[in-house]
Amino acid sequence: MKAFRSLLLDFARDRRGATAIEYTLITGLVSLTIIAGATQIGQRVLVFFQSVAAGFN
């Protein structure tokens, strides 16, 4: 029984999992920001090339 209690206490004190979750959340937010920015840039580039193509007609 003491070994099980010791295991539970060690698990409760371990902070490596919390750190991994924090890094995962930060990585997810950075990824969403990059995707949103790339989408905006892509839409602006598309409009630019459409206006250039319309100039040739």
N, C-alpha and C. Protein backbone atom coordinates (compact mmCIF):
# COMPACT_ATOMS: atom_id res chain seq x y z
N MET A 1 0.81 -1.19 0.00
CA MET A 1 0.00 0.00 0.00
C MET A 1 0.86 1.26 0.00
N LYS A 2 1.98 1.23 0.73
CA LYS A 2 2.86 2.39 0.77
C LYS A 2 3.47 2.68 -0.60
N ALA A 3 3.79 1.63 -1.32
CA ALA A 3 4.38 1.82 -2.65
C ALA A 3 3.39 2.52 -3.57
N PHE A 4 2.12 2.14 -3.48
CA PHE A 4 1.09 2.76 -4.31
C PHE A 4 0.91 4.23 -3.94
N ARG A 5 0.90 4.51 -2.65
CA ARG A 5 0.77 5.90 -2.19
C ARG A 5 1.97 6.73 -2.63
N SER A 6 3.14 6.14 -2.53
CA SER A 6 4.36 6.82 -2.98
C SER A 6 4.30 7.12 -4.47
N LEU A 7 3.80 6.16 -5.23
CA LEU A 7 3.64 6.36 -6.67
C LEU A 7 2.68 7.51 -6.97
N LEU A 8 1.56 7.56 -6.25
CA LEU A 8 0.59 8.63 -6.46
C LEU A 8 1.16 10.00 -6.10
N LEU A 9 1.92 10.06 -5.02
CA LEU A 9 2.54 11.33 -4.63
C LEU A 9 3.57 11.78 -5.65
N ASP A 10 4.37 10.85 -6.14
CA ASP A 10 5.35 11.19 -7.17
C ASP A 10 4.66 11.70 -8.43
N PHE A 11 3.56 11.06 -8.80
CA PHE A 11 2.81 11.47 -9.99
C PHE A 11 2.22 12.87 -9.80
N ALA A 12 1.72 13.17 -8.62
CA ALA A 12 1.12 14.47 -8.35
C ALA A 12 2.16 15.59 -8.35
N ARG A 13 3.38 15.28 -7.98
CA ARG A 13 4.45 16.29 -7.93
C ARG A 13 5.13 16.50 -9.28
N ASP A 14 4.96 15.58 -10.18
CA ASP A 14 5.62 15.65 -11.49
C ASP A 14 5.00 16.76 -12.33
N ARG A 15 5.81 17.68 -12.81
CA ARG A 15 5.33 18.83 -13.59
C ARG A 15 5.68 18.74 -15.07
N ARG A 16 6.30 17.65 -15.48
CA ARG A 16 6.69 17.52 -16.89
C ARG A 16 5.49 17.49 -17.82
N GLY A 17 4.42 16.85 -17.40
CA GLY A 17 3.22 16.78 -18.22
C GLY A 17 2.59 18.15 -18.40
N ALA A 18 2.57 18.95 -17.35
CA ALA A 18 2.00 20.30 -17.44
C ALA A 18 2.82 21.16 -18.40
N THR A 19 4.12 21.02 -18.36
CA THR A 19 4.98 21.77 -19.26
C THR A 19 4.74 21.36 -20.70
N ALA A 20 4.58 20.08 -20.95
CA ALA A 20 4.32 19.60 -22.30
C ALA A 20 3.00 20.15 -22.82
N ILE A 21 2.00 20.19 -21.97
CA ILE A 21 0.70 20.72 -22.38
C ILE A 21 0.82 22.22 -22.68
N GLU A 22 1.55 22.96 -21.88
CA GLU A 22 1.73 24.39 -22.12
C GLU A 22 2.43 24.62 -23.47
N TYR A 23 3.46 23.88 -23.74
CA TYR A 23 4.16 24.03 -25.02
C TYR A 23 3.26 23.65 -26.18
N THR A 24 2.43 22.66 -26.00
CA THR A 24 1.49 22.26 -27.05
C THR A 24 0.50 23.37 -27.34
N LEU A 25 -0.02 24.00 -26.30
CA LEU A 25 -0.96 25.11 -26.48
C LEU A 25 -0.31 26.30 -27.17
N ILE A 26 0.92 26.62 -26.78
CA ILE A 26 1.64 27.72 -27.41
C ILE A 26 1.89 27.40 -28.88
N THR A 27 2.30 26.19 -29.17
CA THR A 27 2.55 25.79 -30.56
C THR A 27 1.27 25.86 -31.38
N GLY A 28 0.16 25.45 -30.79
CA GLY A 28 -1.12 25.52 -31.49
C GLY A 28 -1.52 26.95 -31.81
N LEU A 29 -1.33 27.86 -30.86
CA LEU A 29 -1.67 29.27 -31.10
C LEU A 29 -0.77 29.89 -32.16
N VAL A 30 0.50 29.57 -32.13
CA VAL A 30 1.42 30.08 -33.14
C VAL A 30 1.03 29.54 -34.51
N SER A 31 0.67 28.27 -34.59
CA SER A 31 0.26 27.67 -35.86
C SER A 31 -1.00 28.34 -36.40
N LEU A 32 -1.97 28.58 -35.54
CA LEU A 32 -3.19 29.25 -35.99
C LEU A 32 -2.91 30.66 -36.49
N THR A 33 -2.00 31.36 -35.83
CA THR A 33 -1.63 32.70 -36.26
C THR A 33 -0.96 32.66 -37.64
N ILE A 34 -0.08 31.72 -37.84
CA ILE A 34 0.60 31.59 -39.13
C ILE A 34 -0.40 31.25 -40.22
N ILE A 35 -1.32 30.34 -39.96
CA ILE A 35 -2.31 29.95 -40.95
C ILE A 35 -3.21 31.12 -41.31
N ALA A 36 -3.66 31.87 -40.29
CA ALA A 36 -4.52 33.03 -40.54
C ALA A 36 -3.77 34.08 -41.36
N GLY A 37 -2.53 34.34 -41.03
CA GLY A 37 -1.73 35.31 -41.77
C GLY A 37 -1.49 34.88 -43.20
N ALA A 38 -1.17 33.63 -43.40
CA ALA A 38 -0.93 33.12 -44.75
C ALA A 38 -2.20 33.17 -45.59
N THR A 39 -3.34 32.92 -44.96
CA THR A 39 -4.61 33.00 -45.68
C THR A 39 -4.89 34.42 -46.13
N GLN A 40 -4.65 35.37 -45.25
CA GLN A 40 -4.87 36.78 -45.60
C GLN A 40 -3.94 37.22 -46.73
N ILE A 41 -2.69 36.85 -46.64
CA ILE A 41 -1.73 37.20 -47.68
C ILE A 41 -2.12 36.55 -49.00
N GLY A 42 -2.54 35.28 -48.94
CA GLY A 42 -2.94 34.57 -50.15
C GLY A 42 -4.13 35.22 -50.82
N GLN A 43 -5.09 35.69 -50.04
CA GLN A 43 -6.25 36.36 -50.62
C GLN A 43 -5.86 37.68 -51.27
N ARG A 44 -4.98 38.42 -50.66
CA ARG A 44 -4.51 39.69 -51.25
C ARG A 44 -3.72 39.46 -52.53
N VAL A 45 -2.90 38.43 -52.54
CA VAL A 45 -2.14 38.10 -53.75
C VAL A 45 -3.09 37.68 -54.87
N LEU A 46 -4.11 36.92 -54.54
CA LEU A 46 -5.10 36.48 -55.52
C LEU A 46 -5.80 37.69 -56.14
N VAL A 47 -6.23 38.63 -55.31
CA VAL A 47 -6.89 39.84 -55.82
C VAL A 47 -5.94 40.63 -56.72
N PHE A 48 -4.69 40.73 -56.33
CA PHE A 48 -3.70 41.45 -57.14
C PHE A 48 -3.55 40.81 -58.51
N PHE A 49 -3.38 39.49 -58.55
CA PHE A 49 -3.19 38.83 -59.84
C PHE A 49 -4.46 38.85 -60.68
N GLN A 50 -5.62 38.83 -60.05
CA GLN A 50 -6.86 38.94 -60.80
C GLN A 50 -6.97 40.32 -61.44
N SER A 51 -6.54 41.36 -60.73
CA SER A 51 -6.59 42.70 -61.30
C SER A 51 -5.57 42.86 -62.43
N VAL A 52 -4.42 42.22 -62.30
CA VAL A 52 -3.42 42.24 -63.38
C VAL A 52 -3.96 41.51 -64.59
N ALA A 53 -4.58 40.35 -64.37
CA ALA A 53 -5.15 39.58 -65.49
C ALA A 53 -6.28 40.35 -66.16
N ALA A 54 -7.07 41.08 -65.39
CA ALA A 54 -8.16 41.87 -65.96
C ALA A 54 -7.59 43.01 -66.81
N GLY A 55 -6.43 43.49 -66.47
CA GLY A 55 -5.79 44.56 -67.25
C GLY A 55 -5.36 44.08 -68.64
N PHE A 56 -5.13 42.80 -68.83
CA PHE A 56 -4.73 42.27 -70.12
C PHE A 56 -5.91 42.04 -71.05
N ASN A 57 -7.12 42.03 -70.50
CA ASN A 57 -8.31 41.77 -71.33
C ASN A 57 -8.78 43.00 -72.03
